[in-house]
């Protein structure tokens, strides 16, 4: 078992990623997929030679269903991805002596310690993520750790803010960051429930694996009621198992149902030691646990069970 929040190498920094202008200049529905083109060509050829075939309505229905499903997933991503953030953990250094990525932060040099994901909890700038994603920041005693949160506003404008720790709960591997969004309108996630999930339901993970922002992976709910280890050595019960790919940098991002509602927080995967690659056996903390914990972290800085 390996928790995947802070990969020690980031292949492509967020600041260097530029989407292709040619691909973004046209609406998605104007760009036929290769599969759609192939199917259309085959059907057209069939119609030319067999115009009265009884299977034509079935073929047409299948094409419609395929297109509708693709369009549904595209809309789900477009509507939910603005609520997902990219988190960079940085360590301020005075004299860098390694080849690690070095960036400028307020006229100081800092190296990337790790990356992770999170999602916007409310309109006040609270960000939910895994504790292990921001553990170094939460335990920093020297003031050398900082956290950069990259997000978009409701209108798609990109921005970055310093993330401040509001509360942490290592026993449930959850944490809350706060970013300054004065004058900015953001899009919080829609909260679902894991109580009504069934094995076999479709689910979707959005995150930043290996630093590639806004990556969508799809799968199904593979199992329910799993138990995974927490950062403090305890157990997190009721975890959701899924085969939607979760890799290093995905931790803290949302697991969504078919309606775009958050049903879990992507947290861990079984993987060959040191590889950091998804095995197809991945786990998310159920959103019901998150809903019980996060309000206490925002108000008190710690979980309810730790207050007394």
C-alpha atoms as a PDB file:
ATOM      1  CA  UNK A   1       0.000   0.000   0.000  1.00  0.00           C
ATOM      2  CA  UNK A   2       1.302   3.418  -0.852  1.00  0.00           C
ATOM      3  CA  UNK A   3      -0.218   6.823  -0.342  1.00  0.00           C
ATOM      4  CA  UNK A   4       0.318   9.030  -3.338  1.00  0.00           C
ATOM      5  CA  UNK A   5       0.445  12.714  -2.605  1.00  0.00           C
ATOM      6  CA  UNK A   6       3.928  14.090  -2.827  1.00  0.00           C
ATOM      7  CA  UNK A   7       5.978  12.778  -5.704  1.00  0.00           C
ATOM      8  CA  UNK A   8       9.577  13.965  -5.431  1.00  0.00           C
ATOM      9  CA  UNK A   9       9.866  14.798  -9.115  1.00  0.00           C
ATOM     10  CA  UNK A  10       7.560  16.941 -11.181  1.00  0.00           C
ATOM     11  CA  UNK A  11       8.004  16.303 -14.917  1.00  0.00           C
ATOM     12  CA  UNK A  12       6.261  19.448 -16.103  1.00  0.00           C
ATOM     13  CA  UNK A  13       5.644  22.405 -13.751  1.00  0.00           C
ATOM     14  CA  UNK A  14       2.201  23.958 -13.899  1.00  0.00           C
ATOM     15  CA  UNK A  15       3.610  27.271 -15.077  1.00  0.00           C
ATOM     16  CA  UNK A  16       5.089  25.690 -18.198  1.00  0.00           C
ATOM     17  CA  UNK A  17       1.940  23.956 -19.342  1.00  0.00           C
ATOM     18  CA  UNK A  18       0.238  25.762 -22.212  1.00  0.00           C
ATOM     19  CA  UNK A  19      -2.794  24.215 -23.880  1.00  0.00           C
ATOM     20  CA  UNK A  20      -2.765  24.138 -27.641  1.00  0.00           C
ATOM     21  CA  UNK A  21      -4.455  27.210 -29.054  1.00  0.00           C
ATOM     22  CA  UNK A  22      -5.613  25.251 -32.055  1.00  0.00           C
ATOM     23  CA  UNK A  23      -7.379  22.670 -29.965  1.00  0.00           C
ATOM     24  CA  UNK A  24      -9.098  25.210 -27.762  1.00  0.00           C
ATOM     25  CA  UNK A  25     -10.283  27.527 -30.506  1.00  0.00           C
ATOM     26  CA  UNK A  26     -13.087  25.281 -31.667  1.00  0.00           C
ATOM     27  CA  UNK A  27     -16.005  23.909 -29.655  1.00  0.00           C
ATOM     28  CA  UNK A  28     -15.651  20.271 -28.669  1.00  0.00           C
ATOM     29  CA  UNK A  29     -18.723  19.179 -30.592  1.00  0.00           C
ATOM     30  CA  UNK A  30     -17.155  20.440 -33.861  1.00  0.00           C
ATOM     31  CA  UNK A  31     -14.268  18.019 -33.578  1.00  0.00           C
ATOM     32  CA  UNK A  32     -15.319  14.502 -34.648  1.00  0.00           C
ATOM     33  CA  UNK A  33     -13.485  11.691 -32.902  1.00  0.00           C
ATOM     34  CA  UNK A  34     -11.579   9.106 -34.904  1.00  0.00           C
ATOM     35  CA  UNK A  35     -13.893   6.379 -33.704  1.00  0.00           C
ATOM     36  CA  UNK A  36     -16.971   8.366 -34.707  1.00  0.00           C
ATOM     37  CA  UNK A  37     -15.516   9.015 -38.175  1.00  0.00           C
ATOM     38  CA  UNK A  38     -14.676   5.351 -38.708  1.00  0.00           C
ATOM     39  CA  UNK A  39     -18.126   4.197 -37.613  1.00  0.00           C
ATOM     40  CA  UNK A  40     -19.866   6.806 -39.759  1.00  0.00           C
ATOM     41  CA  UNK A  41     -17.854   5.777 -42.829  1.00  0.00           C
ATOM     42  CA  UNK A  42     -18.669   2.103 -42.264  1.00  0.00           C
ATOM     43  CA  UNK A  43     -22.377   2.808 -41.831  1.00  0.00           C
ATOM     44  CA  UNK A  44     -22.459   5.009 -44.940  1.00  0.00           C
ATOM     45  CA  UNK A  45     -20.899   2.229 -46.995  1.00  0.00           C
ATOM     46  CA  UNK A  46     -23.390  -0.271 -45.602  1.00  0.00           C
ATOM     47  CA  UNK A  47     -26.305   2.013 -46.409  1.00  0.00           C
ATOM     48  CA  UNK A  48     -25.153   2.321 -50.005  1.00  0.00           C
ATOM     49  CA  UNK A  49     -25.452  -1.416 -50.579  1.00  0.00           C
ATOM     50  CA  UNK A  50     -28.206  -2.390 -48.119  1.00  0.00           C
ATOM     51  CA  UNK A  51     -30.626   0.525 -47.811  1.00  0.00           C
ATOM     52  CA  UNK A  52     -33.525  -1.610 -46.548  1.00  0.00           C
ATOM     53  CA  UNK A  53     -31.650  -3.638 -43.921  1.00  0.00           C
ATOM     54  CA  UNK A  54     -33.616  -4.141 -40.647  1.00  0.00           C
ATOM     55  CA  UNK A  55     -30.454  -3.667 -38.545  1.00  0.00           C
ATOM     56  CA  UNK A  56     -30.049  -0.027 -39.563  1.00  0.00           C
ATOM     57  CA  UNK A  57     -32.214   1.329 -36.723  1.00  0.00           C
ATOM     58  CA  UNK A  58     -30.155  -0.684 -34.204  1.00  0.00           C
ATOM     59  CA  UNK A  59     -26.901   0.729 -35.598  1.00  0.00           C
ATOM     60  CA  UNK A  60     -28.267   4.250 -35.445  1.00  0.00           C
ATOM     61  CA  UNK A  61     -29.394   3.753 -31.848  1.00  0.00           C
ATOM     62  CA  UNK A  62     -25.983   2.428 -30.860  1.00  0.00           C
ATOM     63  CA  UNK A  63     -24.304   5.443 -32.423  1.00  0.00           C
ATOM     64  CA  UNK A  64     -26.635   7.776 -30.552  1.00  0.00           C
ATOM     65  CA  UNK A  65     -25.990   6.023 -27.227  1.00  0.00           C
ATOM     66  CA  UNK A  66     -22.220   6.130 -27.706  1.00  0.00           C
ATOM     67  CA  UNK A  67     -22.301   9.810 -28.564  1.00  0.00           C
ATOM     68  CA  UNK A  68     -24.574  10.628 -25.639  1.00  0.00           C
ATOM     69  CA  UNK A  69     -22.267   8.824 -23.196  1.00  0.00           C
ATOM     70  CA  UNK A  70     -19.191  10.619 -24.521  1.00  0.00           C
ATOM     71  CA  UNK A  71     -20.941  13.972 -24.346  1.00  0.00           C
ATOM     72  CA  UNK A  72     -22.061  13.253 -20.782  1.00  0.00           C
ATOM     73  CA  UNK A  73     -18.506  12.536 -19.595  1.00  0.00           C
ATOM     74  CA  UNK A  74     -17.176  15.625 -21.385  1.00  0.00           C
ATOM     75  CA  UNK A  75     -19.806  17.801 -19.677  1.00  0.00           C
ATOM     76  CA  UNK A  76     -19.067  16.207 -16.303  1.00  0.00           C
ATOM     77  CA  UNK A  77     -15.381  17.111 -16.614  1.00  0.00           C
ATOM     78  CA  UNK A  78     -16.067  20.628 -17.855  1.00  0.00           C
ATOM     79  CA  UNK A  79     -18.450  21.309 -14.980  1.00  0.00           C
ATOM     80  CA  UNK A  80     -16.354  19.809 -12.172  1.00  0.00           C
ATOM     81  CA  UNK A  81     -12.708  20.460 -13.075  1.00  0.00           C
ATOM     82  CA  UNK A  82     -12.833  24.171 -12.062  1.00  0.00           C
ATOM     83  CA  UNK A  83     -13.355  22.972  -8.482  1.00  0.00           C
ATOM     84  CA  UNK A  84     -10.127  20.940  -8.468  1.00  0.00           C
ATOM     85  CA  UNK A  85      -6.810  22.539  -7.443  1.00  0.00           C
ATOM     86  CA  UNK A  86      -3.143  21.705  -7.926  1.00  0.00           C
ATOM     87  CA  UNK A  87      -0.957  21.818  -4.803  1.00  0.00           C
ATOM     88  CA  UNK A  88       2.810  22.301  -4.775  1.00  0.00           C
ATOM     89  CA  UNK A  89       4.826  21.773  -1.602  1.00  0.00           C
ATOM     90  CA  UNK A  90       7.940  23.950  -1.633  1.00  0.00           C
ATOM     91  CA  UNK A  91      10.989  24.241   0.600  1.00  0.00           C
ATOM     92  CA  UNK A  92      12.794  27.572   0.720  1.00  0.00           C
ATOM     93  CA  UNK A  93      16.513  27.175   0.131  1.00  0.00           C
ATOM     94  CA  UNK A  94      19.322  29.714   0.222  1.00  0.00           C
ATOM     95  CA  UNK A  95      22.011  27.911  -1.749  1.00  0.00           C
ATOM     96  CA  UNK A  96      20.618  25.172  -3.979  1.00  0.00           C
ATOM     97  CA  UNK A  97      23.232  22.492  -4.602  1.00  0.00           C
ATOM     98  CA  UNK A  98      21.081  19.917  -6.331  1.00  0.00           C
ATOM     99  CA  UNK A  99      19.508  19.597  -9.761  1.00  0.00           C
ATOM    100  CA  UNK A 100      15.967  19.628  -8.343  1.00  0.00           C
ATOM    101  CA  UNK A 101      13.535  22.098  -9.851  1.00  0.00           C
ATOM    102  CA  UNK A 102      14.111  25.564  -8.395  1.00  0.00           C
ATOM    103  CA  UNK A 103      11.477  28.292  -8.567  1.00  0.00           C
ATOM    104  CA  UNK A 104      11.303  31.876  -7.362  1.00  0.00           C
ATOM    105  CA  UNK A 105       8.915  32.541  -4.500  1.00  0.00           C
ATOM    106  CA  UNK A 106       8.750  36.128  -3.225  1.00  0.00           C
ATOM    107  CA  UNK A 107      12.358  36.770  -4.257  1.00  0.00           C
ATOM    108  CA  UNK A 108      13.525  33.597  -2.525  1.00  0.00           C
ATOM    109  CA  UNK A 109      14.562  30.308  -4.069  1.00  0.00           C
ATOM    110  CA  UNK A 110      12.541  27.192  -3.360  1.00  0.00           C
ATOM    111  CA  UNK A 111      12.577  23.623  -4.581  1.00  0.00           C
ATOM    112  CA  UNK A 112       9.543  21.477  -5.194  1.00  0.00           C
ATOM    113  CA  UNK A 113       9.218  18.883  -2.449  1.00  0.00           C
ATOM    114  CA  UNK A 114       6.063  17.271  -3.782  1.00  0.00           C
ATOM    115  CA  UNK A 115       2.745  17.770  -5.518  1.00  0.00           C
ATOM    116  CA  UNK A 116      -0.833  16.826  -4.848  1.00  0.00           C
ATOM    117  CA  UNK A 117      -4.444  17.710  -5.521  1.00  0.00           C
ATOM    118  CA  UNK A 118      -7.368  19.156  -3.619  1.00  0.00           C
ATOM    119  CA  UNK A 119     -10.799  20.626  -4.167  1.00  0.00           C
ATOM    120  CA  UNK A 120     -12.638  23.814  -3.278  1.00  0.00           C
ATOM    121  CA  UNK A 121     -14.887  23.190  -0.297  1.00  0.00           C
ATOM    122  CA  UNK A 122     -16.705  26.526  -0.033  1.00  0.00           C
ATOM    123  CA  UNK A 123     -16.818  30.064  -1.391  1.00  0.00           C
ATOM    124  CA  UNK A 124     -14.537  31.291   1.406  1.00  0.00           C
ATOM    125  CA  UNK A 125     -11.433  29.645  -0.038  1.00  0.00           C
ATOM    126  CA  UNK A 126     -11.191  26.480   2.058  1.00  0.00           C
ATOM    127  CA  UNK A 127      -9.417  23.663   0.221  1.00  0.00           C
ATOM    128  CA  UNK A 128      -9.778  19.995   1.186  1.00  0.00           C
ATOM    129  CA  UNK A 129      -6.861  17.633   0.583  1.00  0.00           C
ATOM    130  CA  UNK A 130      -5.053  14.698   2.187  1.00  0.00           C
ATOM    131  CA  UNK A 131      -2.987  15.265   5.296  1.00  0.00           C
ATOM    132  CA  UNK A 132      -0.040  13.424   3.747  1.00  0.00           C
ATOM    133  CA  UNK A 133      -0.022  15.946   0.873  1.00  0.00           C
ATOM    134  CA  UNK A 134       0.715  18.850   3.271  1.00  0.00           C
ATOM    135  CA  UNK A 135       2.364  16.936   6.113  1.00  0.00           C
ATOM    136  CA  UNK A 136       5.689  18.759   5.755  1.00  0.00           C
ATOM    137  CA  UNK A 137       3.953  22.117   5.935  1.00  0.00           C
ATOM    138  CA  UNK A 138       1.872  21.020   8.932  1.00  0.00           C
ATOM    139  CA  UNK A 139       4.931  19.839  10.863  1.00  0.00           C
ATOM    140  CA  UNK A 140       7.354  22.582   9.777  1.00  0.00           C
ATOM    141  CA  UNK A 141       9.160  24.100  12.758  1.00  0.00           C
ATOM    142  CA  UNK A 142      11.663  26.261  10.874  1.00  0.00           C
ATOM    143  CA  UNK A 143       9.363  28.234   8.602  1.00  0.00           C
ATOM    144  CA  UNK A 144      10.983  26.809   5.476  1.00  0.00           C
ATOM    145  CA  UNK A 145       7.945  25.033   4.044  1.00  0.00           C
ATOM    146  CA  UNK A 146       5.397  26.826   1.905  1.00  0.00           C
ATOM    147  CA  UNK A 147       2.467  25.649  -0.133  1.00  0.00           C
ATOM    148  CA  UNK A 148       1.312  27.015  -3.469  1.00  0.00           C
ATOM    149  CA  UNK A 149      -2.258  26.350  -4.592  1.00  0.00           C
ATOM    150  CA  UNK A 150      -3.064  26.712  -8.298  1.00  0.00           C
ATOM    151  CA  UNK A 151      -6.743  27.122  -9.140  1.00  0.00           C
ATOM    152  CA  UNK A 152      -9.174  28.773 -11.518  1.00  0.00           C
ATOM    153  CA  UNK A 153     -12.053  31.079 -10.784  1.00  0.00           C
ATOM    154  CA  UNK A 154     -15.614  30.447 -11.895  1.00  0.00           C
ATOM    155  CA  UNK A 155     -14.835  32.063 -15.246  1.00  0.00           C
ATOM    156  CA  UNK A 156     -11.778  29.939 -16.029  1.00  0.00           C
ATOM    157  CA  UNK A 157      -9.062  32.449 -15.123  1.00  0.00           C
ATOM    158  CA  UNK A 158      -5.962  30.788 -13.651  1.00  0.00           C
ATOM    159  CA  UNK A 159      -4.410  32.062 -10.435  1.00  0.00           C
ATOM    160  CA  UNK A 160      -2.108  30.891  -7.658  1.00  0.00           C
ATOM    161  CA  UNK A 161      -2.226  31.594  -3.940  1.00  0.00           C
ATOM    162  CA  UNK A 162      -0.285  30.655  -0.847  1.00  0.00           C
ATOM    163  CA  UNK A 163      -2.071  27.936   1.083  1.00  0.00           C
ATOM    164  CA  UNK A 164      -2.252  28.235   4.854  1.00  0.00           C
ATOM    165  CA  UNK A 165      -2.973  25.287   7.153  1.00  0.00           C
ATOM    166  CA  UNK A 166      -6.358  25.644   8.866  1.00  0.00           C
ATOM    167  CA  UNK A 167      -6.722  22.178  10.371  1.00  0.00           C
ATOM    168  CA  UNK A 168      -5.392  18.638  10.053  1.00  0.00           C
ATOM    169  CA  UNK A 169      -6.488  15.166  11.072  1.00  0.00           C
ATOM    170  CA  UNK A 170      -3.753  12.557  10.466  1.00  0.00           C
ATOM    171  CA  UNK A 171      -5.992   9.743  11.705  1.00  0.00           C
ATOM    172  CA  UNK A 172      -8.363  10.258   8.767  1.00  0.00           C
ATOM    173  CA  UNK A 173      -5.655  11.612   6.417  1.00  0.00           C
ATOM    174  CA  UNK A 174      -7.536  14.869   5.862  1.00  0.00           C
ATOM    175  CA  UNK A 175      -6.450  18.493   5.945  1.00  0.00           C
ATOM    176  CA  UNK A 176      -7.894  21.922   5.175  1.00  0.00           C
ATOM    177  CA  UNK A 177      -5.991  24.765   3.545  1.00  0.00           C
ATOM    178  CA  UNK A 178      -7.149  28.354   3.223  1.00  0.00           C
ATOM    179  CA  UNK A 179      -6.347  30.618   0.284  1.00  0.00           C
ATOM    180  CA  UNK A 180      -7.081  34.311  -0.085  1.00  0.00           C
ATOM    181  CA  UNK A 181      -9.803  34.751  -2.700  1.00  0.00           C
ATOM    182  CA  UNK A 182     -11.020  38.256  -1.861  1.00  0.00           C
ATOM    183  CA  UNK A 183     -12.860  39.602  -4.881  1.00  0.00           C
ATOM    184  CA  UNK A 184     -12.676  36.260  -6.682  1.00  0.00           C
ATOM    185  CA  UNK A 185     -15.615  33.968  -7.332  1.00  0.00           C
ATOM    186  CA  UNK A 186     -14.750  30.278  -7.139  1.00  0.00           C
ATOM    187  CA  UNK A 187     -16.780  27.133  -7.731  1.00  0.00           C
ATOM    188  CA  UNK A 188     -17.078  24.781  -4.740  1.00  0.00           C
ATOM    189  CA  UNK A 189     -17.710  21.098  -5.344  1.00  0.00           C
ATOM    190  CA  UNK A 190     -21.103  19.446  -5.087  1.00  0.00           C
ATOM    191  CA  UNK A 191     -21.175  16.959  -2.235  1.00  0.00           C
ATOM    192  CA  UNK A 192     -22.641  13.485  -2.743  1.00  0.00           C
ATOM    193  CA  UNK A 193     -22.836  10.433  -0.489  1.00  0.00           C
ATOM    194  CA  UNK A 194     -21.017   7.116  -0.380  1.00  0.00           C
ATOM    195  CA  UNK A 195     -23.808   5.397   1.546  1.00  0.00           C
ATOM    196  CA  UNK A 196     -25.865   4.653  -1.541  1.00  0.00           C
ATOM    197  CA  UNK A 197     -22.987   3.469  -3.730  1.00  0.00           C
ATOM    198  CA  UNK A 198     -23.040   0.056  -5.360  1.00  0.00           C
ATOM    199  CA  UNK A 199     -20.196  -1.993  -6.746  1.00  0.00           C
ATOM    200  CA  UNK A 200     -20.148  -1.552 -10.511  1.00  0.00           C
ATOM    201  CA  UNK A 201     -21.190   2.108 -10.569  1.00  0.00           C
ATOM    202  CA  UNK A 202     -19.152   4.416 -12.767  1.00  0.00           C
ATOM    203  CA  UNK A 203     -16.792   6.846 -11.061  1.00  0.00           C
ATOM    204  CA  UNK A 204     -14.315   9.503 -12.150  1.00  0.00           C
ATOM    205  CA  UNK A 205     -11.095  10.864 -10.639  1.00  0.00           C
ATOM    206  CA  UNK A 206      -9.729  14.324 -11.374  1.00  0.00           C
ATOM    207  CA  UNK A 207      -6.281  15.343 -10.201  1.00  0.00           C
ATOM    208  CA  UNK A 208      -2.711  16.172 -11.106  1.00  0.00           C
ATOM    209  CA  UNK A 209      -0.714  12.946 -11.504  1.00  0.00           C
ATOM    210  CA  UNK A 210       3.011  13.615 -11.900  1.00  0.00           C
ATOM    211  CA  UNK A 211       2.228  17.320 -12.194  1.00  0.00           C
ATOM    212  CA  UNK A 212      -0.067  16.992 -15.220  1.00  0.00           C
ATOM    213  CA  UNK A 213      -2.909  19.238 -14.176  1.00  0.00           C
ATOM    214  CA  UNK A 214      -6.605  18.492 -14.627  1.00  0.00           C
ATOM    215  CA  UNK A 215      -6.229  14.841 -15.579  1.00  0.00           C
ATOM    216  CA  UNK A 216      -9.429  12.782 -15.800  1.00  0.00           C
ATOM    217  CA  UNK A 217      -9.454   9.018 -15.289  1.00  0.00           C
ATOM    218  CA  UNK A 218     -12.516   6.792 -15.328  1.00  0.00           C
ATOM    219  CA  UNK A 219     -13.474   3.493 -13.780  1.00  0.00           C
ATOM    220  CA  UNK A 220     -15.985   1.776 -11.555  1.00  0.00           C
ATOM    221  CA  UNK A 221     -16.555   1.286  -7.865  1.00  0.00           C
ATOM    222  CA  UNK A 222     -14.680  -1.979  -7.351  1.00  0.00           C
ATOM    223  CA  UNK A 223     -15.406  -2.498  -3.666  1.00  0.00           C
ATOM    224  CA  UNK A 224     -16.845  -0.878  -0.556  1.00  0.00           C
ATOM    225  CA  UNK A 225     -16.045  -0.893   3.140  1.00  0.00           C
ATOM    226  CA  UNK A 226     -12.297  -1.326   2.672  1.00  0.00           C
ATOM    227  CA  UNK A 227      -9.712  -0.529   5.333  1.00  0.00           C
ATOM    228  CA  UNK A 228      -6.549   1.439   4.530  1.00  0.00           C
ATOM    229  CA  UNK A 229      -3.716   2.714   6.759  1.00  0.00           C
ATOM    230  CA  UNK A 230      -3.646   6.317   7.969  1.00  0.00           C
ATOM    231  CA  UNK A 231      -0.491   8.452   8.297  1.00  0.00           C
ATOM    232  CA  UNK A 232      -0.471   8.055  12.089  1.00  0.00           C
ATOM    233  CA  UNK A 233      -0.509   4.258  11.892  1.00  0.00           C
ATOM    234  CA  UNK A 234      -4.223   3.781  12.503  1.00  0.00           C
ATOM    235  CA  UNK A 235      -6.875   2.551  10.121  1.00  0.00           C
ATOM    236  CA  UNK A 236      -9.294   4.428   7.889  1.00  0.00           C
ATOM    237  CA  UNK A 237     -12.441   2.355   7.569  1.00  0.00           C
ATOM    238  CA  UNK A 238     -15.144   2.398   4.932  1.00  0.00           C
ATOM    239  CA  UNK A 239     -12.816   3.315   2.064  1.00  0.00           C
ATOM    240  CA  UNK A 240     -14.024   3.089  -1.527  1.00  0.00           C
ATOM    241  CA  UNK A 241     -12.045   0.832  -3.847  1.00  0.00           C
ATOM    242  CA  UNK A 242     -11.897   1.809  -7.530  1.00  0.00           C
ATOM    243  CA  UNK A 243     -10.003   0.923 -10.682  1.00  0.00           C
ATOM    244  CA  UNK A 244     -10.002   4.543 -11.865  1.00  0.00           C
ATOM    245  CA  UNK A 245      -6.275   5.267 -12.178  1.00  0.00           C
ATOM    246  CA  UNK A 246      -4.774   7.096  -9.198  1.00  0.00           C
ATOM    247  CA  UNK A 247      -1.073   7.966  -9.355  1.00  0.00           C
ATOM    248  CA  UNK A 248       1.428  10.131  -7.523  1.00  0.00           C
ATOM    249  CA  UNK A 249      -0.029  13.637  -7.392  1.00  0.00           C
ATOM    250  CA  UNK A 250      -3.667  12.464  -7.478  1.00  0.00           C
ATOM    251  CA  UNK A 251      -3.959  12.360  -3.693  1.00  0.00           C
ATOM    252  CA  UNK A 252      -6.418  14.853  -2.262  1.00  0.00           C
ATOM    253  CA  UNK A 253      -8.417  15.134  -5.468  1.00  0.00           C
ATOM    254  CA  UNK A 254     -12.098  14.205  -5.741  1.00  0.00           C
ATOM    255  CA  UNK A 255     -13.654  10.908  -6.751  1.00  0.00           C
ATOM    256  CA  UNK A 256     -16.932  11.714  -8.503  1.00  0.00           C
ATOM    257  CA  UNK A 257     -20.115   9.856  -9.318  1.00  0.00           C
ATOM    258  CA  UNK A 258     -21.958  10.061 -12.636  1.00  0.00           C
ATOM    259  CA  UNK A 259     -23.735  13.247 -11.521  1.00  0.00           C
ATOM    260  CA  UNK A 260     -20.469  15.058 -10.758  1.00  0.00           C
ATOM    261  CA  UNK A 261     -20.951  14.812  -6.994  1.00  0.00           C
ATOM    262  CA  UNK A 262     -17.926  14.118  -4.799  1.00  0.00           C
ATOM    263  CA  UNK A 263     -18.153  10.649  -3.253  1.00  0.00           C
ATOM    264  CA  UNK A 264     -14.603  10.358  -1.959  1.00  0.00           C
ATOM    265  CA  UNK A 265     -11.102  11.803  -1.602  1.00  0.00           C
ATOM    266  CA  UNK A 266      -8.513   9.912  -3.650  1.00  0.00           C
ATOM    267  CA  UNK A 267      -5.885   8.728  -1.213  1.00  0.00           C
ATOM    268  CA  UNK A 268      -3.930   5.539  -1.869  1.00  0.00           C
ATOM    269  CA  UNK A 269      -3.111   2.719  -4.261  1.00  0.00           C
ATOM    270  CA  UNK A 270      -1.515  -0.683  -4.134  1.00  0.00           C
ATOM    271  CA  UNK A 271       1.685  -0.428  -6.118  1.00  0.00           C
ATOM    272  CA  UNK A 272       5.028  -2.115  -6.556  1.00  0.00           C
ATOM    273  CA  UNK A 273       7.308  -0.461  -4.016  1.00  0.00           C
ATOM    274  CA  UNK A 274       9.038   2.585  -5.424  1.00  0.00           C
ATOM    275  CA  UNK A 275       7.211   2.568  -8.757  1.00  0.00           C
ATOM    276  CA  UNK A 276       4.483   5.056  -7.814  1.00  0.00           C
ATOM    277  CA  UNK A 277       2.300   3.617 -10.564  1.00  0.00           C
ATOM    278  CA  UNK A 278      -1.360   2.767 -10.215  1.00  0.00           C
ATOM    279  CA  UNK A 279      -2.067  -0.942  -9.946  1.00  0.00           C
ATOM    280  CA  UNK A 280      -5.778  -0.681 -10.619  1.00  0.00           C
ATOM    281  CA  UNK A 281      -6.482  -1.224  -6.910  1.00  0.00           C
ATOM    282  CA  UNK A 282      -7.008   2.295  -5.625  1.00  0.00           C
ATOM    283  CA  UNK A 283      -8.763   3.795  -2.619  1.00  0.00           C
ATOM    284  CA  UNK A 284     -10.660   6.928  -1.648  1.00  0.00           C
ATOM    285  CA  UNK A 285     -11.822   8.167   1.740  1.00  0.00           C
ATOM    286  CA  UNK A 286     -15.648   8.190   1.664  1.00  0.00           C
ATOM    287  CA  UNK A 287     -17.198  11.635   1.483  1.00  0.00           C
ATOM    288  CA  UNK A 288     -19.384  10.875   4.506  1.00  0.00           C
ATOM    289  CA  UNK A 289     -16.233  10.740   6.660  1.00  0.00           C
ATOM    290  CA  UNK A 290     -15.069  13.992   5.067  1.00  0.00           C
ATOM    291  CA  UNK A 291     -18.364  15.766   5.765  1.00  0.00           C
ATOM    292  CA  UNK A 292     -18.157  14.788   9.444  1.00  0.00           C
ATOM    293  CA  UNK A 293     -14.542  15.910   9.812  1.00  0.00           C
ATOM    294  CA  UNK A 294     -13.982  19.038   7.723  1.00  0.00           C
ATOM    295  CA  UNK A 295     -16.307  21.453   9.609  1.00  0.00           C
ATOM    296  CA  UNK A 296     -14.415  20.740  12.843  1.00  0.00           C
ATOM    297  CA  UNK A 297     -11.068  21.272  11.117  1.00  0.00           C
ATOM    298  CA  UNK A 298     -12.262  24.627   9.800  1.00  0.00           C
ATOM    299  CA  UNK A 299     -13.612  25.834  13.150  1.00  0.00           C
ATOM    300  CA  UNK A 300     -11.297  24.192  15.684  1.00  0.00           C
ATOM    301  CA  UNK A 301      -8.256  23.089  13.670  1.00  0.00           C
ATOM    302  CA  UNK A 302      -8.646  19.502  14.804  1.00  0.00           C
ATOM    303  CA  UNK A 303     -11.157  16.682  14.590  1.00  0.00           C
ATOM    304  CA  UNK A 304     -13.989  16.467  17.115  1.00  0.00           C
ATOM    305  CA  UNK A 305     -12.593  13.335  18.763  1.00  0.00           C
ATOM    306  CA  UNK A 306      -9.318  15.159  19.473  1.00  0.00           C
ATOM    307  CA  UNK A 307     -10.871  18.166  21.178  1.00  0.00           C
ATOM    308  CA  UNK A 308     -11.249  16.567  24.592  1.00  0.00           C
END
